[in-house]
Every structure is written in structure tokens, then in C-alpha cells.
Amino acid sequence: MPYLGIRGTLGMANTRVYGLSEGEVLQISQFFRPGPRTIEKDELVLYNASMYVANQIEYHLGYRIIMCTHADESQLIWTMFKAGNKL
């Protein structure tokens, strides 16, 4: 999938990542403290700070942040894109 979603706060180490393939999860799992994974939602919970998660996904998997917004006063949502993936 060429797009990912990351949802988290700057002050807590509880980040949700949406859209990673099974291979990508295995590739980066050594760099994170993984929590539960919900296959139905395509969601992976990581007990790491959201900025750390975004930086590691960019460095190890090649995704780039293309948009950032907020859900409320504390929740931030980033959209990441990986060039070269086919839709």
C-alpha cells in the first residue's frame, strides 16, 4: 500500500499506525515496542512516541510525510506516502 496513517500525541508513547503490510511490520518491529495488532482495522499499536515512529518508518521503509492534521487538541494524524508503490 503506498499510503500510511499515523495517529498519536506528542506527549505520550502510544502511537497507532494504519496500512503497513505484514512484511513491513516484520521489517521494522525490531525498532519499536509493539502492542496489539488489529487486522480488521489494519492497525498496529506501538508504545513509542509518534515522532520517533514517523522518523523510523521514513528511515527504514522510505515513506515520506505528505500531510499532517489534528483530530482534536492533542491527537495528531500524519499521512505518509511511499513513492514507487503501485496503486
N, C-alpha and C. Protein backbone atom coordinates (compact mmCIF):
# COMPACT_ATOMS: atom_id res chain seq x y z
N MET A 1 0.84 -1.17 0.00
CA MET A 1 0.00 0.00 0.00
C MET A 1 0.89 1.24 0.00
N PRO A 2 0.62 2.23 -0.84
CA PRO A 2 1.52 3.38 -0.90
C PRO A 2 1.28 4.41 0.20
N TYR A 3 0.16 4.32 0.94
CA TYR A 3 -0.14 5.32 1.97
C TYR A 3 -0.21 4.67 3.34
N LEU A 4 0.23 5.42 4.35
CA LEU A 4 0.12 5.03 5.76
C LEU A 4 -0.55 6.15 6.52
N GLY A 5 -1.18 5.79 7.61
CA GLY A 5 -1.68 6.78 8.55
C GLY A 5 -1.04 6.55 9.90
N ILE A 6 -0.65 7.61 10.57
CA ILE A 6 -0.10 7.54 11.92
C ILE A 6 -0.91 8.47 12.79
N ARG A 7 -1.36 7.95 13.93
CA ARG A 7 -2.14 8.77 14.86
C ARG A 7 -1.48 8.69 16.23
N GLY A 8 -1.26 9.84 16.84
CA GLY A 8 -0.65 9.85 18.16
C GLY A 8 -0.59 11.26 18.72
N THR A 9 0.01 11.38 19.88
CA THR A 9 0.22 12.67 20.51
C THR A 9 1.71 12.90 20.69
N LEU A 10 2.08 14.14 20.87
CA LEU A 10 3.50 14.44 21.06
C LEU A 10 3.96 14.11 22.47
N GLY A 11 3.04 14.00 23.42
CA GLY A 11 3.43 13.80 24.80
C GLY A 11 3.33 12.38 25.32
N MET A 12 2.75 11.45 24.55
CA MET A 12 2.57 10.09 25.03
C MET A 12 3.18 9.08 24.06
N ALA A 13 3.61 7.97 24.60
CA ALA A 13 4.20 6.90 23.79
C ALA A 13 3.14 5.85 23.49
N ASN A 14 2.12 6.24 22.78
CA ASN A 14 1.06 5.33 22.37
C ASN A 14 0.62 5.76 20.97
N THR A 15 1.19 5.13 19.96
CA THR A 15 1.01 5.54 18.57
C THR A 15 0.31 4.42 17.80
N ARG A 16 -0.61 4.80 16.94
CA ARG A 16 -1.28 3.83 16.08
C ARG A 16 -0.86 4.06 14.63
N VAL A 17 -0.52 2.96 13.95
CA VAL A 17 -0.10 3.02 12.55
C VAL A 17 -1.09 2.19 11.75
N TYR A 18 -1.56 2.76 10.65
CA TYR A 18 -2.53 2.10 9.78
C TYR A 18 -1.93 1.92 8.39
N GLY A 19 -2.04 0.71 7.84
CA GLY A 19 -1.67 0.49 6.45
C GLY A 19 -0.36 -0.22 6.18
N LEU A 20 0.36 -0.65 7.22
CA LEU A 20 1.61 -1.38 6.99
C LEU A 20 1.30 -2.79 6.50
N SER A 21 2.10 -3.26 5.55
CA SER A 21 1.97 -4.65 5.12
C SER A 21 2.60 -5.56 6.17
N GLU A 22 2.31 -6.84 6.08
CA GLU A 22 2.87 -7.81 7.03
C GLU A 22 4.40 -7.81 6.96
N GLY A 23 4.95 -7.72 5.75
CA GLY A 23 6.40 -7.67 5.59
C GLY A 23 7.02 -6.43 6.20
N GLU A 24 6.34 -5.30 6.06
CA GLU A 24 6.84 -4.05 6.64
C GLU A 24 6.80 -4.10 8.16
N VAL A 25 5.76 -4.71 8.72
CA VAL A 25 5.68 -4.85 10.18
C VAL A 25 6.85 -5.69 10.67
N LEU A 26 7.14 -6.79 10.01
CA LEU A 26 8.27 -7.63 10.41
C LEU A 26 9.59 -6.89 10.26
N GLN A 27 9.72 -6.11 9.20
CA GLN A 27 10.97 -5.39 8.93
C GLN A 27 11.29 -4.35 10.01
N ILE A 28 10.29 -3.67 10.53
CA ILE A 28 10.56 -2.59 11.48
C ILE A 28 10.27 -2.95 12.93
N SER A 29 9.74 -4.15 13.19
CA SER A 29 9.34 -4.49 14.56
C SER A 29 10.51 -4.48 15.54
N GLN A 30 11.71 -4.68 15.08
CA GLN A 30 12.87 -4.68 15.98
C GLN A 30 13.19 -3.28 16.51
N PHE A 31 12.66 -2.23 15.89
CA PHE A 31 12.96 -0.86 16.31
C PHE A 31 11.89 -0.28 17.23
N PHE A 32 10.78 -1.01 17.43
CA PHE A 32 9.66 -0.48 18.20
C PHE A 32 9.29 -1.40 19.36
N ARG A 33 8.48 -0.87 20.25
CA ARG A 33 7.85 -1.67 21.30
C ARG A 33 6.41 -1.91 20.86
N PRO A 34 6.16 -3.03 20.18
CA PRO A 34 4.82 -3.25 19.62
C PRO A 34 3.80 -3.60 20.69
N GLY A 35 2.59 -3.18 20.43
CA GLY A 35 1.44 -3.53 21.25
C GLY A 35 0.53 -4.41 20.43
N PRO A 36 -0.76 -4.37 20.69
CA PRO A 36 -1.69 -5.22 19.95
C PRO A 36 -1.85 -4.80 18.50
N ARG A 37 -2.14 -5.78 17.66
CA ARG A 37 -2.39 -5.52 16.25
C ARG A 37 -3.82 -5.92 15.94
N THR A 38 -4.56 -5.04 15.28
CA THR A 38 -5.94 -5.31 14.90
C THR A 38 -6.00 -5.46 13.39
N ILE A 39 -6.13 -6.68 12.93
CA ILE A 39 -6.12 -6.96 11.49
C ILE A 39 -7.34 -6.34 10.81
N GLU A 40 -8.52 -6.38 11.47
CA GLU A 40 -9.74 -5.84 10.86
C GLU A 40 -9.61 -4.36 10.53
N LYS A 41 -8.92 -3.62 11.39
CA LYS A 41 -8.73 -2.19 11.18
C LYS A 41 -7.42 -1.88 10.47
N ASP A 42 -6.61 -2.90 10.22
CA ASP A 42 -5.28 -2.71 9.65
C ASP A 42 -4.47 -1.77 10.54
N GLU A 43 -4.56 -2.00 11.86
CA GLU A 43 -3.99 -1.09 12.86
C GLU A 43 -2.92 -1.81 13.67
N LEU A 44 -1.83 -1.11 13.90
CA LEU A 44 -0.75 -1.60 14.76
C LEU A 44 -0.51 -0.55 15.84
N VAL A 45 -0.55 -0.97 17.10
CA VAL A 45 -0.28 -0.07 18.22
C VAL A 45 1.19 -0.21 18.59
N LEU A 46 1.87 0.92 18.73
CA LEU A 46 3.27 0.94 19.13
C LEU A 46 3.41 1.79 20.38
N TYR A 47 4.16 1.30 21.35
CA TYR A 47 4.39 2.05 22.58
C TYR A 47 5.67 2.86 22.46
N ASN A 48 5.68 3.71 21.45
CA ASN A 48 6.78 4.64 21.17
C ASN A 48 6.16 5.99 20.85
N ALA A 49 6.95 7.04 21.00
CA ALA A 49 6.49 8.39 20.67
C ALA A 49 6.19 8.49 19.18
N SER A 50 5.17 9.24 18.84
CA SER A 50 4.73 9.32 17.44
C SER A 50 5.80 9.88 16.51
N MET A 51 6.56 10.86 16.95
CA MET A 51 7.61 11.41 16.09
C MET A 51 8.72 10.39 15.85
N TYR A 52 9.04 9.59 16.85
CA TYR A 52 10.02 8.52 16.69
C TYR A 52 9.51 7.50 15.67
N VAL A 53 8.25 7.13 15.78
CA VAL A 53 7.66 6.17 14.84
C VAL A 53 7.71 6.72 13.41
N ALA A 54 7.31 7.96 13.22
CA ALA A 54 7.33 8.56 11.88
C ALA A 54 8.76 8.60 11.32
N ASN A 55 9.72 8.98 12.14
CA ASN A 55 11.11 9.05 11.68
C ASN A 55 11.66 7.67 11.33
N GLN A 56 11.35 6.66 12.13
CA GLN A 56 11.85 5.31 11.85
C GLN A 56 11.20 4.72 10.60
N ILE A 57 9.92 4.97 10.41
CA ILE A 57 9.24 4.48 9.20
C ILE A 57 9.84 5.15 7.97
N GLU A 58 10.12 6.43 8.07
CA GLU A 58 10.76 7.12 6.94
C GLU A 58 12.14 6.55 6.66
N TYR A 59 12.94 6.38 7.69
CA TYR A 59 14.32 5.93 7.53
C TYR A 59 14.40 4.48 7.02
N HIS A 60 13.61 3.59 7.60
CA HIS A 60 13.74 2.17 7.29
C HIS A 60 12.87 1.70 6.12
N LEU A 61 11.75 2.36 5.88
CA LEU A 61 10.84 1.90 4.84
C LEU A 61 10.70 2.85 3.66
N GLY A 62 11.18 4.08 3.79
CA GLY A 62 11.15 5.01 2.68
C GLY A 62 9.88 5.82 2.51
N TYR A 63 8.97 5.77 3.48
CA TYR A 63 7.77 6.60 3.42
C TYR A 63 8.13 8.04 3.77
N ARG A 64 7.39 9.00 3.22
CA ARG A 64 7.58 10.42 3.50
C ARG A 64 6.26 11.02 3.98
N ILE A 65 6.34 11.92 4.95
CA ILE A 65 5.13 12.60 5.43
C ILE A 65 4.67 13.57 4.36
N ILE A 66 3.40 13.47 3.98
CA ILE A 66 2.86 14.38 2.97
C ILE A 66 1.77 15.29 3.54
N MET A 67 1.27 14.95 4.74
CA MET A 67 0.21 15.76 5.33
C MET A 67 0.15 15.52 6.83
N CYS A 68 -0.22 16.57 7.56
CA CYS A 68 -0.44 16.45 9.00
C CYS A 68 -1.69 17.26 9.35
N THR A 69 -2.52 16.69 10.20
CA THR A 69 -3.71 17.38 10.68
C THR A 69 -3.94 16.97 12.12
N HIS A 70 -5.01 17.45 12.73
CA HIS A 70 -5.29 17.05 14.10
C HIS A 70 -6.75 16.62 14.23
N ALA A 71 -6.97 15.65 15.11
CA ALA A 71 -8.33 15.16 15.36
C ALA A 71 -8.99 15.95 16.47
N ASP A 72 -8.21 16.41 17.41
CA ASP A 72 -8.68 17.27 18.50
C ASP A 72 -7.47 18.05 19.00
N GLU A 73 -7.53 18.58 20.19
CA GLU A 73 -6.43 19.41 20.67
C GLU A 73 -5.13 18.65 20.90
N SER A 74 -5.20 17.34 21.11
CA SER A 74 -3.98 16.61 21.43
C SER A 74 -3.61 15.54 20.40
N GLN A 75 -4.55 15.03 19.63
CA GLN A 75 -4.28 13.95 18.68
C GLN A 75 -3.85 14.50 17.33
N LEU A 76 -2.69 14.08 16.88
CA LEU A 76 -2.20 14.45 15.55
C LEU A 76 -2.30 13.25 14.63
N ILE A 77 -2.54 13.52 13.36
CA ILE A 77 -2.63 12.47 12.35
C ILE A 77 -1.72 12.84 11.19
N TRP A 78 -0.82 11.92 10.84
CA TRP A 78 0.09 12.12 9.71
C TRP A 78 -0.28 11.14 8.62
N THR A 79 -0.19 11.58 7.37
CA THR A 79 -0.31 10.70 6.22
C THR A 79 1.07 10.60 5.60
N MET A 80 1.49 9.36 5.34
CA MET A 80 2.80 9.12 4.73
C MET A 80 2.59 8.42 3.39
N PHE A 81 3.49 8.68 2.45
CA PHE A 81 3.42 8.12 1.11
C PHE A 81 4.77 7.54 0.74
N LYS A 82 4.73 6.39 0.06
CA LYS A 82 5.97 5.77 -0.41
C LYS A 82 5.95 5.76 -1.94
N ALA A 83 6.82 6.55 -2.52
CA ALA A 83 6.92 6.63 -3.98
C ALA A 83 7.37 5.29 -4.54
N GLY A 84 6.86 4.97 -5.71
CA GLY A 84 7.26 3.73 -6.35
C GLY A 84 6.29 2.59 -6.11
N ASN A 85 5.43 2.70 -5.12
CA ASN A 85 4.40 1.68 -4.90
C ASN A 85 3.30 1.85 -5.94
N LYS A 86 2.76 0.74 -6.37
CA LYS A 86 1.67 0.79 -7.34
C LYS A 86 0.35 0.77 -6.62
N LEU A 87 -0.59 1.59 -7.12
CA LEU A 87 -1.93 1.64 -6.52
C LEU A 87 -2.69 0.45 -6.91
